[in-house]
Amino acid sequence: MVTPLTRSKMNKKAIGTNADIIWNLLNNSERWDITQLMEKSGLSEIEVYTAIGWLARQDKIEIEEKPNNKHYYYLIVEYYF
C-alpha cells in the first residue's frame, strides 16, 4: 500500500528525471531487466517502474517478455529518411 509520505515524494518532475536516468542506461543497444536497471541507476523498484511507465507512454521503449516471465526493456530505434 502506498502511504501519503511516499505519494508526496513522487511527482512529475522526479519521475521525469528518473526516466532520463533509465533512458541513458538503455541507450547502449542492450536489453536490461529490472534488477540490472535498479543496480546501475541506484533507483528503487517503484522509481524504475514509474520511469519505465513514463518512457512507455512516450513510445520510447519496448518491453520484451521471455517465456520465464522475465521482462527486458530496450529503446525503440527510429530512423527518419
N, C-alpha and C. Protein backbone atom coordinates (compact mmCIF):
# COMPACT_ATOMS: atom_id res chain seq x y z
N MET A 1 0.84 -1.19 0.00
CA MET A 1 0.00 0.00 0.00
C MET A 1 0.88 1.25 0.00
N VAL A 2 0.51 2.22 -0.78
CA VAL A 2 1.26 3.47 -0.86
C VAL A 2 0.83 4.37 0.27
N THR A 3 1.79 4.87 1.01
CA THR A 3 1.48 5.77 2.11
C THR A 3 1.48 7.21 1.61
N PRO A 4 0.80 8.10 2.30
CA PRO A 4 0.80 9.51 1.89
C PRO A 4 2.21 10.09 1.79
N LEU A 5 3.13 9.64 2.65
CA LEU A 5 4.50 10.14 2.61
C LEU A 5 5.17 9.74 1.29
N THR A 6 4.98 8.49 0.88
CA THR A 6 5.55 8.04 -0.39
C THR A 6 4.94 8.80 -1.55
N ARG A 7 3.63 8.97 -1.53
CA ARG A 7 2.95 9.67 -2.60
C ARG A 7 3.45 11.11 -2.73
N SER A 8 3.71 11.77 -1.61
CA SER A 8 4.14 13.17 -1.68
C SER A 8 5.55 13.30 -2.26
N LYS A 9 6.38 12.25 -2.15
CA LYS A 9 7.73 12.31 -2.69
C LYS A 9 7.76 12.09 -4.19
N MET A 10 6.76 11.42 -4.75
CA MET A 10 6.74 11.15 -6.18
C MET A 10 5.97 12.27 -6.87
N ASN A 11 6.63 12.95 -7.76
CA ASN A 11 5.96 13.98 -8.54
C ASN A 11 6.44 13.87 -9.98
N LYS A 12 5.80 14.60 -10.86
CA LYS A 12 6.13 14.50 -12.28
C LYS A 12 7.58 14.85 -12.57
N LYS A 13 8.11 15.83 -11.89
CA LYS A 13 9.50 16.22 -12.14
C LYS A 13 10.45 15.09 -11.75
N ALA A 14 10.23 14.47 -10.59
CA ALA A 14 11.09 13.37 -10.14
C ALA A 14 10.96 12.17 -11.08
N ILE A 15 9.76 11.86 -11.51
CA ILE A 15 9.56 10.74 -12.42
C ILE A 15 10.24 11.02 -13.76
N GLY A 16 10.12 12.24 -14.25
CA GLY A 16 10.78 12.62 -15.50
C GLY A 16 12.29 12.54 -15.39
N THR A 17 12.83 12.98 -14.26
CA THR A 17 14.27 12.89 -14.03
C THR A 17 14.72 11.43 -14.00
N ASN A 18 13.95 10.59 -13.32
CA ASN A 18 14.26 9.16 -13.27
C ASN A 18 14.15 8.52 -14.65
N ALA A 19 13.19 8.96 -15.44
CA ALA A 19 13.04 8.46 -16.81
C ALA A 19 14.28 8.80 -17.64
N ASP A 20 14.83 9.98 -17.43
CA ASP A 20 16.07 10.36 -18.13
C ASP A 20 17.22 9.44 -17.74
N ILE A 21 17.31 9.10 -16.46
CA ILE A 21 18.36 8.20 -15.98
C ILE A 21 18.22 6.84 -16.64
N ILE A 22 17.00 6.31 -16.66
CA ILE A 22 16.77 5.00 -17.26
C ILE A 22 17.00 5.05 -18.76
N TRP A 23 16.55 6.11 -19.42
CA TRP A 23 16.77 6.25 -20.87
C TRP A 23 18.26 6.22 -21.19
N ASN A 24 19.06 6.92 -20.40
CA ASN A 24 20.51 6.94 -20.63
C ASN A 24 21.13 5.56 -20.45
N LEU A 25 20.64 4.79 -19.49
CA LEU A 25 21.13 3.42 -19.33
C LEU A 25 20.74 2.55 -20.53
N LEU A 26 19.52 2.71 -21.00
CA LEU A 26 19.03 1.90 -22.11
C LEU A 26 19.65 2.30 -23.44
N ASN A 27 20.33 3.41 -23.48
CA ASN A 27 20.87 3.95 -24.71
C ASN A 27 22.15 3.25 -25.17
N ASN A 28 22.33 1.98 -24.82
CA ASN A 28 23.52 1.24 -25.23
C ASN A 28 23.18 0.04 -26.11
N SER A 29 21.97 0.00 -26.65
CA SER A 29 21.51 -1.05 -27.57
C SER A 29 21.46 -2.43 -26.93
N GLU A 30 21.35 -2.51 -25.62
CA GLU A 30 21.22 -3.79 -24.93
C GLU A 30 19.84 -3.89 -24.29
N ARG A 31 19.47 -5.10 -23.95
CA ARG A 31 18.23 -5.34 -23.21
C ARG A 31 18.57 -5.44 -21.73
N TRP A 32 17.78 -4.77 -20.91
CA TRP A 32 18.02 -4.72 -19.47
C TRP A 32 16.83 -5.31 -18.74
N ASP A 33 17.07 -6.00 -17.63
CA ASP A 33 15.96 -6.42 -16.79
C ASP A 33 15.84 -5.43 -15.62
N ILE A 34 14.80 -5.58 -14.84
CA ILE A 34 14.51 -4.61 -13.78
C ILE A 34 15.63 -4.58 -12.74
N THR A 35 16.20 -5.74 -12.42
CA THR A 35 17.27 -5.79 -11.42
C THR A 35 18.50 -5.04 -11.90
N GLN A 36 18.86 -5.22 -13.15
CA GLN A 36 20.01 -4.51 -13.70
C GLN A 36 19.78 -3.00 -13.69
N LEU A 37 18.58 -2.59 -14.05
CA LEU A 37 18.27 -1.16 -14.06
C LEU A 37 18.34 -0.57 -12.65
N MET A 38 17.83 -1.31 -11.67
CA MET A 38 17.88 -0.83 -10.29
C MET A 38 19.33 -0.72 -9.80
N GLU A 39 20.14 -1.73 -10.10
CA GLU A 39 21.53 -1.72 -9.64
C GLU A 39 22.32 -0.59 -10.27
N LYS A 40 22.21 -0.42 -11.58
CA LYS A 40 23.00 0.60 -12.28
C LYS A 40 22.52 2.02 -12.01
N SER A 41 21.21 2.19 -11.85
CA SER A 41 20.67 3.54 -11.67
C SER A 41 20.70 4.01 -10.23
N GLY A 42 20.67 3.06 -9.29
CA GLY A 42 20.57 3.44 -7.89
C GLY A 42 19.16 3.80 -7.47
N LEU A 43 18.19 3.58 -8.37
CA LEU A 43 16.80 3.90 -8.08
C LEU A 43 16.11 2.70 -7.43
N SER A 44 15.04 2.98 -6.70
CA SER A 44 14.25 1.92 -6.09
C SER A 44 13.39 1.24 -7.16
N GLU A 45 12.79 0.13 -6.79
CA GLU A 45 11.95 -0.59 -7.73
C GLU A 45 10.79 0.27 -8.24
N ILE A 46 10.11 0.96 -7.35
CA ILE A 46 8.97 1.79 -7.78
C ILE A 46 9.44 2.95 -8.65
N GLU A 47 10.61 3.51 -8.35
CA GLU A 47 11.14 4.60 -9.17
C GLU A 47 11.47 4.12 -10.58
N VAL A 48 12.03 2.93 -10.68
CA VAL A 48 12.35 2.38 -12.00
C VAL A 48 11.07 2.08 -12.77
N TYR A 49 10.09 1.47 -12.11
CA TYR A 49 8.85 1.15 -12.81
C TYR A 49 8.08 2.39 -13.24
N THR A 50 8.08 3.44 -12.43
CA THR A 50 7.40 4.67 -12.86
C THR A 50 8.13 5.32 -14.03
N ALA A 51 9.47 5.25 -14.02
CA ALA A 51 10.26 5.77 -15.13
C ALA A 51 9.99 4.97 -16.41
N ILE A 52 9.88 3.65 -16.28
CA ILE A 52 9.56 2.81 -17.43
C ILE A 52 8.17 3.17 -17.96
N GLY A 53 7.24 3.39 -17.08
CA GLY A 53 5.89 3.80 -17.50
C GLY A 53 5.92 5.12 -18.26
N TRP A 54 6.70 6.06 -17.77
CA TRP A 54 6.85 7.36 -18.43
C TRP A 54 7.39 7.18 -19.85
N LEU A 55 8.46 6.38 -19.97
CA LEU A 55 9.07 6.14 -21.28
C LEU A 55 8.15 5.36 -22.21
N ALA A 56 7.42 4.41 -21.65
CA ALA A 56 6.48 3.62 -22.46
C ALA A 56 5.36 4.52 -22.98
N ARG A 57 4.89 5.42 -22.16
CA ARG A 57 3.81 6.34 -22.58
C ARG A 57 4.28 7.23 -23.72
N GLN A 58 5.56 7.53 -23.75
CA GLN A 58 6.13 8.37 -24.80
C GLN A 58 6.61 7.53 -25.99
N ASP A 59 6.31 6.24 -26.00
CA ASP A 59 6.73 5.32 -27.06
C ASP A 59 8.24 5.34 -27.29
N LYS A 60 8.99 5.38 -26.21
CA LYS A 60 10.45 5.41 -26.32
C LYS A 60 11.09 4.07 -26.03
N ILE A 61 10.34 3.14 -25.42
CA ILE A 61 10.93 1.85 -25.09
C ILE A 61 10.03 0.71 -25.54
N GLU A 62 10.65 -0.45 -25.64
CA GLU A 62 9.94 -1.70 -25.90
C GLU A 62 10.11 -2.58 -24.67
N ILE A 63 9.11 -3.39 -24.42
CA ILE A 63 9.16 -4.34 -23.32
C ILE A 63 9.01 -5.72 -23.91
N GLU A 64 10.00 -6.56 -23.66
CA GLU A 64 10.01 -7.91 -24.20
C GLU A 64 9.82 -8.90 -23.05
N GLU A 65 8.82 -9.76 -23.18
CA GLU A 65 8.59 -10.78 -22.16
C GLU A 65 9.11 -12.12 -22.65
N LYS A 66 9.98 -12.72 -21.86
CA LYS A 66 10.54 -14.02 -22.19
C LYS A 66 9.65 -15.12 -21.61
N PRO A 67 9.79 -16.36 -22.08
CA PRO A 67 8.96 -17.47 -21.58
C PRO A 67 9.05 -17.68 -20.07
N ASN A 68 10.14 -17.29 -19.45
CA ASN A 68 10.28 -17.44 -17.99
C ASN A 68 9.62 -16.31 -17.21
N ASN A 69 8.77 -15.52 -17.87
CA ASN A 69 8.08 -14.36 -17.29
C ASN A 69 9.02 -13.24 -16.87
N LYS A 70 10.22 -13.23 -17.38
CA LYS A 70 11.15 -12.14 -17.13
C LYS A 70 10.97 -11.10 -18.22
N HIS A 71 10.98 -9.84 -17.83
CA HIS A 71 10.80 -8.75 -18.77
C HIS A 71 12.12 -8.05 -19.03
N TYR A 72 12.33 -7.69 -20.29
CA TYR A 72 13.52 -6.94 -20.69
C TYR A 72 13.08 -5.65 -21.36
N TYR A 73 13.83 -4.60 -21.11
CA TYR A 73 13.49 -3.26 -21.60
C TYR A 73 14.62 -2.77 -22.51
N TYR A 74 14.22 -2.12 -23.59
CA TYR A 74 15.21 -1.55 -24.50
C TYR A 74 14.59 -0.39 -25.26
N LEU A 75 15.44 0.47 -25.82
CA LEU A 75 14.96 1.65 -26.54
C LEU A 75 14.43 1.29 -27.91
N ILE A 76 13.47 2.04 -28.34
CA ILE A 76 12.97 1.96 -29.70
C ILE A 76 13.90 2.79 -30.56
N VAL A 77 14.38 2.23 -31.62
CA VAL A 77 15.25 2.95 -32.53
C VAL A 77 14.40 3.40 -33.72
N GLU A 78 14.36 4.68 -33.92
CA GLU A 78 13.58 5.24 -35.03
C GLU A 78 14.52 5.83 -36.06
N TYR A 79 14.24 5.51 -37.30
CA TYR A 79 15.03 6.06 -38.40
C TYR A 79 14.13 6.96 -39.22
N TYR A 80 14.62 8.12 -39.54
CA TYR A 80 13.87 9.05 -40.39
C TYR A 80 14.62 9.24 -41.69
N PHE A 81 13.90 9.11 -42.78
CA PHE A 81 14.52 9.25 -44.10
C PHE A 81 14.01 10.49 -44.79
